[in-house]
Amino acid sequence: MKAVVFENYKTFPTIKEVEKPTPGPGEVLLKVAGAGCCHSDVSVFHDYTPETGTHTKPPFILGHETSGWIEELGPGVTGFNKGDAYLVYGPTGCGHCQRCVAGEENYCENMATNESLAIGLGRDGGMAEYAVVPARNLVPLGDADPIAAAPLSDAGLTPYHAIKAALPHLRGGGKYALVIGLGGLGQIAIQLLKALTGATIIGTDMKPESMAKAEEQGVITVPSDENEVARIREITSGRGVDAAFDFVGIAPTIAAAQAASGIGSRVTIVGIAGGKGEFDWYTNPWEQELTSAYWGSMSELHEVAALYRQGLVTPEVETYSMDDALVAYHNLVDGKLTKRAVVVPHMGE
């Protein structure tokens, strides 16, 4: 079968023929419907080194945003029917710590000693015609389109986890939420905020086309420049937003999120650009929280899938055949994508 394989650090992945996998005990074989292209993949093959990529040692098949149809059950697996569609929960923890047994493998307490981060990040993922995954990591999609659902495994789950944790700050009338970075995750965050809260949503970005797309969803947009904080403060009658979500994560966006948020607010850094935040007892608003978020839990992905089945969250995707998978990654690297790229291995069948 064809697969997109990460073969070496600082090297673009390749499409190659690999052996079709066989599910072991507790596993299933999926006929892959869709596999999302993510900036985390780019970090793996573009930025990581043997020293920094200890959990993503090559070679392995990329693809940590995966959906597919049941093709074959491994020994001991029951309760699944061939052809049914599922979304794959990506994080893989130790399986036995307190976090893992609660379905929070994204926060595994033994991550430092695990061999991989996730399906598609350290172990073979879904950027292939077929993929083997643990049966317990499957989230049912019912009759909903599995191809468009693929990005929900990360691009949907990550903002959902961040927003759900901030809901106490957004309950009630007159609340404001700020979304910094209106790319793929930011646009899904807007849908989630609309589905889960009654907050007025403010969005900032440097790209006019991204702001225009957000405005179509009823978002008040502010250009990301030296006046953005003052403008946000003006929109909120001077008090600042109640919750801010930074999907960029560089020092200026973190600073803007803090400055634009008010007393008792929550600022969540979701973007992994590596920026550093600062705290000043005299200038930060009283009781302002600054936190981070990484992926989400297995139960939360079930909740995201439910919102998708209800039509409340729908990722915008552009699809690529397996033969064009590297084109999708090049477009991602070059900043040419306006939607989430999804590789469809069985396109046209």
Protein backbone atom coordinates (compact mmCIF):
# COMPACT_ATOMS: atom_id res chain seq x y z
CA MET A 1 0.00 0.00 0.00
CA LYS A 2 1.03 3.64 -0.42
CA ALA A 3 1.97 5.72 2.62
CA VAL A 4 3.59 9.06 3.49
CA VAL A 5 6.69 8.19 5.47
CA PHE A 6 8.92 10.38 7.63
CA GLU A 7 12.34 8.84 7.01
CA ASN A 8 14.87 11.28 8.45
CA TYR A 9 15.17 14.54 10.37
CA LYS A 10 15.42 17.79 8.37
CA THR A 11 14.10 15.84 5.36
CA PHE A 12 10.77 16.13 3.56
CA PRO A 13 8.64 12.97 3.82
CA THR A 14 8.27 10.57 0.91
CA ILE A 15 5.49 8.54 -0.63
CA LYS A 16 6.45 4.90 -0.80
CA GLU A 17 5.08 1.39 -0.98
CA VAL A 18 4.92 -0.30 2.42
CA GLU A 19 3.42 -3.54 3.64
CA LYS A 20 -0.27 -3.42 4.54
CA PRO A 21 -0.44 -3.80 8.34
CA THR A 22 -2.23 -6.55 10.25
CA PRO A 23 -4.13 -5.72 13.46
CA GLY A 24 -2.88 -7.36 16.64
CA PRO A 25 -4.76 -8.09 19.87
CA GLY A 26 -6.97 -5.17 20.84
CA GLU A 27 -6.45 -3.43 17.49
CA VAL A 28 -8.44 -2.81 14.33
CA LEU A 29 -7.44 -2.22 10.73
CA LEU A 30 -8.98 0.93 9.27
CA LYS A 31 -9.46 1.67 5.62
CA VAL A 32 -8.39 5.30 5.86
CA ALA A 33 -11.02 7.83 4.79
CA GLY A 34 -9.00 10.97 5.48
CA ALA A 35 -5.75 12.08 7.07
CA GLY A 36 -5.19 15.73 7.98
CA CYS A 37 -1.96 17.62 7.36
CA CYS A 38 -0.88 19.50 10.49
CA HIS A 39 1.90 21.92 11.41
CA SER A 40 2.99 19.40 14.04
CA ASP A 41 3.99 17.11 11.17
CA VAL A 42 6.06 19.92 9.69
CA SER A 43 7.82 20.39 13.02
CA VAL A 44 8.71 16.70 13.03
CA PHE A 45 10.37 16.60 9.62
CA HIS A 46 11.50 20.22 9.36
CA ASP A 47 12.59 21.24 12.87
CA TYR A 48 13.31 18.20 15.01
CA THR A 49 16.72 16.63 15.47
CA PRO A 50 17.76 13.32 17.09
CA GLU A 51 18.14 15.31 20.31
CA THR A 52 14.77 17.11 20.22
CA GLY A 53 12.75 14.41 18.48
CA THR A 54 13.17 11.70 21.09
CA HIS A 55 9.50 10.67 20.81
CA THR A 56 9.33 10.86 17.02
CA LYS A 57 12.21 8.73 15.84
CA PRO A 58 12.05 7.86 12.14
CA PRO A 59 10.95 5.99 10.20
CA PHE A 60 7.18 6.00 10.66
CA ILE A 61 4.03 6.84 8.71
CA LEU A 62 2.73 10.36 9.35
CA GLY A 63 -0.90 11.26 10.04
CA HIS A 64 -2.24 11.98 13.53
CA GLU A 65 -5.61 13.32 12.30
CA THR A 66 -7.23 10.17 10.98
CA SER A 67 -10.66 8.85 10.14
CA GLY A 68 -11.65 5.64 8.43
CA TRP A 69 -13.88 2.63 8.01
CA ILE A 70 -13.55 -0.65 9.89
CA GLU A 71 -11.80 -3.15 7.61
CA GLU A 72 -10.64 -5.93 9.93
CA LEU A 73 -10.71 -6.74 13.65
CA GLY A 74 -7.71 -8.00 15.58
CA PRO A 75 -7.85 -10.91 18.05
CA GLY A 76 -10.19 -10.28 20.97
CA VAL A 77 -11.90 -7.24 19.43
CA THR A 78 -15.70 -7.27 19.25
CA GLY A 79 -18.49 -4.74 18.88
CA PHE A 80 -17.43 -3.24 15.54
CA ASN A 81 -18.94 -3.75 12.10
CA LYS A 82 -17.00 -3.68 8.85
CA GLY A 83 -17.63 -0.45 6.97
CA ASP A 84 -18.63 1.66 9.96
CA ALA A 85 -16.91 5.07 10.15
CA TYR A 86 -14.76 6.19 13.05
CA LEU A 87 -12.49 9.03 14.13
CA VAL A 88 -9.16 8.13 15.73
CA TYR A 89 -8.02 9.56 19.06
CA GLY A 90 -4.33 10.21 18.49
CA PRO A 91 -2.44 10.54 21.80
CA THR A 92 -0.77 7.39 23.10
CA GLY A 93 0.31 7.31 26.73
CA CYS A 94 1.63 4.57 28.97
CA GLY A 95 -1.89 3.24 29.43
CA HIS A 96 -1.67 2.72 33.18
CA CYS A 97 -1.04 6.06 34.92
CA GLN A 98 -3.90 8.00 36.49
CA ARG A 99 -4.22 10.31 33.50
CA CYS A 100 -4.24 7.50 30.94
CA VAL A 101 -6.87 5.38 32.68
CA ALA A 102 -9.07 8.50 32.74
CA GLY A 103 -8.73 8.80 28.94
CA GLU A 104 -6.32 11.77 29.21
CA GLU A 105 -3.43 10.18 27.35
CA ASN A 106 -2.48 13.64 26.08
CA TYR A 107 -1.28 14.34 29.64
CA CYS A 108 0.32 10.96 30.36
CA GLU A 109 2.38 11.16 33.54
CA ASN A 110 5.06 8.94 32.00
CA MET A 111 5.41 10.82 28.71
CA ALA A 112 9.16 11.26 29.20
CA THR A 113 9.74 7.51 28.97
CA ASN A 114 7.14 6.70 26.28
CA GLU A 115 8.42 5.75 22.83
CA SER A 116 5.93 7.92 20.93
CA LEU A 117 3.65 10.91 21.36
CA ALA A 118 0.72 9.70 19.30
CA ILE A 119 -0.51 7.64 16.40
CA GLY A 120 1.27 9.39 13.54
CA LEU A 121 3.77 11.05 15.87
CA GLY A 122 6.32 8.40 16.68
CA ARG A 123 4.32 5.37 15.59
CA ASP A 124 2.65 4.62 12.26
CA GLY A 125 -0.29 6.89 11.59
CA GLY A 126 -3.07 7.35 9.10
CA MET A 127 -1.37 8.96 6.10
CA ALA A 128 -1.73 5.64 4.26
CA GLU A 129 -4.29 3.48 2.56
CA TYR A 130 -4.76 1.43 5.73
CA ALA A 131 -3.84 1.98 9.37
CA VAL A 132 -3.79 -0.13 12.52
CA VAL A 133 -5.06 1.59 15.67
CA PRO A 134 -6.12 0.49 19.18
CA ALA A 135 -9.85 -0.28 19.24
CA ARG A 136 -10.25 1.84 22.39
CA ASN A 137 -9.09 4.92 20.43
CA LEU A 138 -12.05 4.82 18.04
CA VAL A 139 -14.82 7.43 18.21
CA PRO A 140 -17.99 6.69 16.18
CA LEU A 141 -19.05 9.04 13.42
CA GLY A 142 -22.33 7.39 12.45
CA ASP A 143 -23.55 8.60 9.06
CA ALA A 144 -21.47 11.79 9.14
CA ASP A 145 -18.84 12.32 6.44
CA PRO A 146 -15.58 10.80 7.75
CA ILE A 147 -13.35 12.66 5.28
CA ALA A 148 -14.22 16.16 6.50
CA ALA A 149 -14.14 14.85 10.07
CA ALA A 150 -10.46 13.86 10.00
CA PRO A 151 -9.08 17.24 11.25
CA LEU A 152 -11.34 17.06 14.29
CA SER A 153 -8.87 14.60 15.85
CA ASP A 154 -6.53 17.51 16.57
CA ALA A 155 -7.67 20.78 14.95
CA GLY A 156 -11.09 20.25 16.55
CA LEU A 157 -10.13 18.55 19.79
CA THR A 158 -7.37 20.98 20.77
CA PRO A 159 -9.49 24.17 20.71
CA TYR A 160 -12.42 22.28 22.23
CA HIS A 161 -10.31 21.25 25.23
CA ALA A 162 -9.10 24.84 25.71
CA ILE A 163 -12.57 26.35 25.38
CA LYS A 164 -14.28 23.78 27.61
CA ALA A 165 -11.81 24.51 30.41
CA ALA A 166 -12.55 28.24 30.06
CA LEU A 167 -16.35 27.92 30.12
CA PRO A 168 -16.70 29.16 33.73
CA HIS A 169 -15.32 32.50 32.52
CA LEU A 170 -17.82 32.70 29.64
CA ARG A 171 -21.07 31.75 31.36
CA GLY A 172 -23.78 34.39 31.55
CA GLY A 173 -24.61 37.41 29.47
CA GLY A 174 -22.28 40.16 28.33
CA LYS A 175 -19.20 37.94 28.01
CA TYR A 176 -16.41 38.40 25.47
CA ALA A 177 -14.04 35.81 23.98
CA LEU A 178 -10.91 36.65 22.01
CA VAL A 179 -9.45 34.38 19.31
CA ILE A 180 -5.91 35.30 18.24
CA GLY A 181 -4.92 33.63 14.97
CA LEU A 182 -7.77 32.92 12.55
CA GLY A 183 -6.23 30.00 10.70
CA GLY A 184 -7.58 26.46 10.72
CA LEU A 185 -7.75 26.01 14.51
CA GLY A 186 -8.97 29.56 15.06
CA GLN A 187 -11.86 29.13 12.62
CA ILE A 188 -12.93 25.90 14.33
CA ALA A 189 -12.60 27.64 17.71
CA ILE A 190 -15.10 30.23 16.51
CA GLN A 191 -17.61 27.50 15.67
CA LEU A 192 -17.05 25.89 19.07
CA LEU A 193 -17.46 29.16 20.94
CA LYS A 194 -20.72 29.77 19.11
CA ALA A 195 -21.94 26.26 19.91
CA LEU A 196 -20.93 26.30 23.59
CA THR A 197 -21.35 29.92 24.70
CA GLY A 198 -23.31 33.09 24.11
CA ALA A 199 -20.17 35.21 24.20
CA THR A 200 -19.40 37.98 21.75
CA ILE A 201 -16.38 36.77 19.79
CA ILE A 202 -13.52 39.05 18.79
CA GLY A 203 -10.87 37.78 16.38
CA THR A 204 -7.45 39.11 15.36
CA ASP A 205 -5.16 38.17 12.52
CA MET A 206 -2.73 39.71 10.05
CA LYS A 207 -4.47 38.26 6.98
CA PRO A 208 -7.51 40.15 5.64
CA GLU A 209 -8.90 36.97 4.05
CA SER A 210 -8.83 35.15 7.39
CA MET A 211 -10.59 38.03 9.10
CA ALA A 212 -13.19 38.14 6.33
CA LYS A 213 -13.91 34.44 6.83
CA ALA A 214 -14.36 35.02 10.57
CA GLU A 215 -16.66 37.96 9.93
CA GLU A 216 -18.93 35.64 7.92
CA GLN A 217 -19.48 33.78 11.21
CA GLY A 218 -20.44 36.97 13.05
CA VAL A 219 -17.03 37.66 14.59
CA ILE A 220 -15.89 41.21 15.31
CA THR A 221 -12.41 41.40 13.79
CA VAL A 222 -9.47 43.60 14.67
CA PRO A 223 -6.27 43.74 12.61
CA SER A 224 -3.24 42.39 14.46
CA ASP A 225 -1.15 45.54 14.84
CA GLU A 226 0.01 48.04 17.46
CA ASN A 227 -3.57 49.28 17.99
CA GLU A 228 -5.30 45.93 18.49
CA VAL A 229 -5.36 45.96 22.31
CA ALA A 230 -6.78 49.48 22.44
CA ARG A 231 -9.43 48.52 19.88
CA ILE A 232 -10.40 45.37 21.83
CA ARG A 233 -10.61 47.39 25.04
CA GLU A 234 -12.88 49.84 23.23
CA ILE A 235 -15.16 47.05 22.01
CA THR A 236 -15.46 45.68 25.55
CA SER A 237 -16.18 49.13 27.06
CA GLY A 238 -12.75 49.22 28.62
CA ARG A 239 -12.93 46.08 30.78
CA GLY A 240 -11.25 43.60 28.43
CA VAL A 241 -12.30 40.11 27.34
CA ASP A 242 -13.27 37.32 29.73
CA ALA A 243 -11.31 34.57 27.94
CA ALA A 244 -8.59 34.74 25.32
CA PHE A 245 -7.28 31.90 23.15
CA ASP A 246 -3.93 32.41 21.45
CA PHE A 247 -3.53 30.02 18.51
CA VAL A 248 -0.17 31.54 17.52
CA GLY A 249 1.92 31.46 20.67
CA ILE A 250 4.68 33.98 19.96
CA ALA A 251 5.70 36.56 22.54
CA PRO A 252 3.75 39.49 20.97
CA THR A 253 0.50 37.51 20.72
CA ILE A 254 0.81 36.27 24.30
CA ALA A 255 1.39 39.85 25.47
CA ALA A 256 -1.60 41.05 23.44
CA ALA A 257 -3.83 38.33 24.90
CA GLN A 258 -2.85 39.33 28.44
CA ALA A 259 -3.26 43.04 27.81
CA ALA A 260 -6.64 42.61 26.12
CA SER A 261 -8.06 40.42 28.91
CA GLY A 262 -9.71 41.81 32.01
CA ILE A 263 -10.00 41.13 35.73
CA GLY A 264 -10.61 37.44 36.52
CA SER A 265 -10.01 36.46 32.92
CA ARG A 266 -8.39 33.32 31.53
CA VAL A 267 -5.67 33.44 28.86
CA THR A 268 -4.95 30.11 27.15
CA ILE A 269 -1.90 29.63 24.95
CA VAL A 270 -2.68 26.96 22.35
CA GLY A 271 -0.14 27.80 19.64
CA ILE A 272 3.23 26.13 20.04
CA ALA A 273 5.47 28.77 18.48
CA GLY A 274 7.53 28.85 21.69
CA GLY A 275 6.94 32.45 22.73
CA LYS A 276 7.49 33.45 26.35
CA GLY A 277 4.97 35.32 28.46
CA GLU A 278 5.62 37.79 31.27
CA PHE A 279 3.82 38.52 34.52
CA ASP A 280 3.90 41.79 36.39
CA TRP A 281 2.01 42.00 39.69
CA TYR A 282 1.44 45.73 39.17
CA THR A 283 0.16 45.71 35.60
CA ASN A 284 -1.57 42.35 34.97
CA PRO A 285 -5.30 42.42 35.81
CA TRP A 286 -6.25 40.97 39.19
CA GLU A 287 -6.72 37.19 39.19
CA GLN A 288 -5.94 36.82 35.52
CA GLU A 289 -5.08 33.19 34.71
CA LEU A 290 -2.37 32.30 32.21
CA THR A 291 -2.37 28.68 31.12
CA SER A 292 -1.60 26.36 28.23
CA ALA A 293 -3.40 23.48 26.52
CA TYR A 294 -2.21 20.39 24.68
CA TRP A 295 -4.64 18.31 22.63
CA GLY A 296 -7.58 16.90 24.65
CA SER A 297 -9.01 13.78 26.25
CA MET A 298 -10.65 10.78 24.64
CA SER A 299 -14.04 11.65 26.12
CA GLU A 300 -13.73 15.19 24.77
CA LEU A 301 -13.20 13.82 21.26
CA HIS A 302 -16.49 11.95 21.66
CA GLU A 303 -18.08 15.31 22.50
CA VAL A 304 -16.48 16.98 19.47
CA ALA A 305 -17.73 14.17 17.23
CA ALA A 306 -21.23 14.67 18.64
CA LEU A 307 -21.12 18.37 17.72
CA TYR A 308 -19.96 17.38 14.22
CA ARG A 309 -22.79 14.88 13.82
CA GLN A 310 -25.22 17.65 14.88
CA GLY A 311 -23.80 19.99 12.25
CA LEU A 312 -22.59 22.52 14.83
CA VAL A 313 -18.91 22.15 13.92
CA THR A 314 -17.73 21.57 10.35
CA PRO A 315 -14.05 21.89 9.39
CA GLU A 316 -13.34 23.55 6.06
CA VAL A 317 -11.14 21.15 4.12
CA GLU A 318 -9.49 20.82 0.76
CA THR A 319 -8.79 17.26 -0.31
CA TYR A 320 -5.75 15.70 -1.97
CA SER A 321 -5.21 12.25 -3.41
CA MET A 322 -2.48 10.06 -1.95
CA ASP A 323 -0.32 10.80 -4.98
CA ASP A 324 -0.61 14.53 -4.19
CA ALA A 325 -0.02 14.20 -0.46
CA LEU A 326 3.39 15.87 -0.65
CA VAL A 327 1.81 18.76 -2.57
CA ALA A 328 -0.48 19.25 0.42
CA TYR A 329 2.51 19.38 2.77
CA HIS A 330 4.37 21.80 0.49
CA ASN A 331 1.31 24.06 0.41
CA LEU A 332 1.16 23.90 4.20
CA VAL A 333 4.85 24.77 4.55
CA ASP A 334 4.54 27.62 2.03
CA GLY A 335 1.48 29.11 3.72
CA LYS A 336 -0.75 28.58 0.69
CA LEU A 337 -3.59 26.78 2.46
CA THR A 338 -6.80 28.58 3.38
CA LYS A 339 -8.50 25.37 4.54
CA ARG A 340 -7.32 22.22 6.34
CA ALA A 341 -5.60 19.86 3.91
CA VAL A 342 -6.92 16.29 4.06
CA VAL A 343 -5.32 13.43 2.15
CA VAL A 344 -7.90 10.96 0.84
CA PRO A 345 -6.08 7.68 0.06
CA HIS A 346 -9.05 6.05 -1.67
CA MET A 347 -10.22 9.10 -3.63
CA GLY A 348 -12.42 8.13 -6.54
CA GLU A 349 -13.29 4.65 -5.34
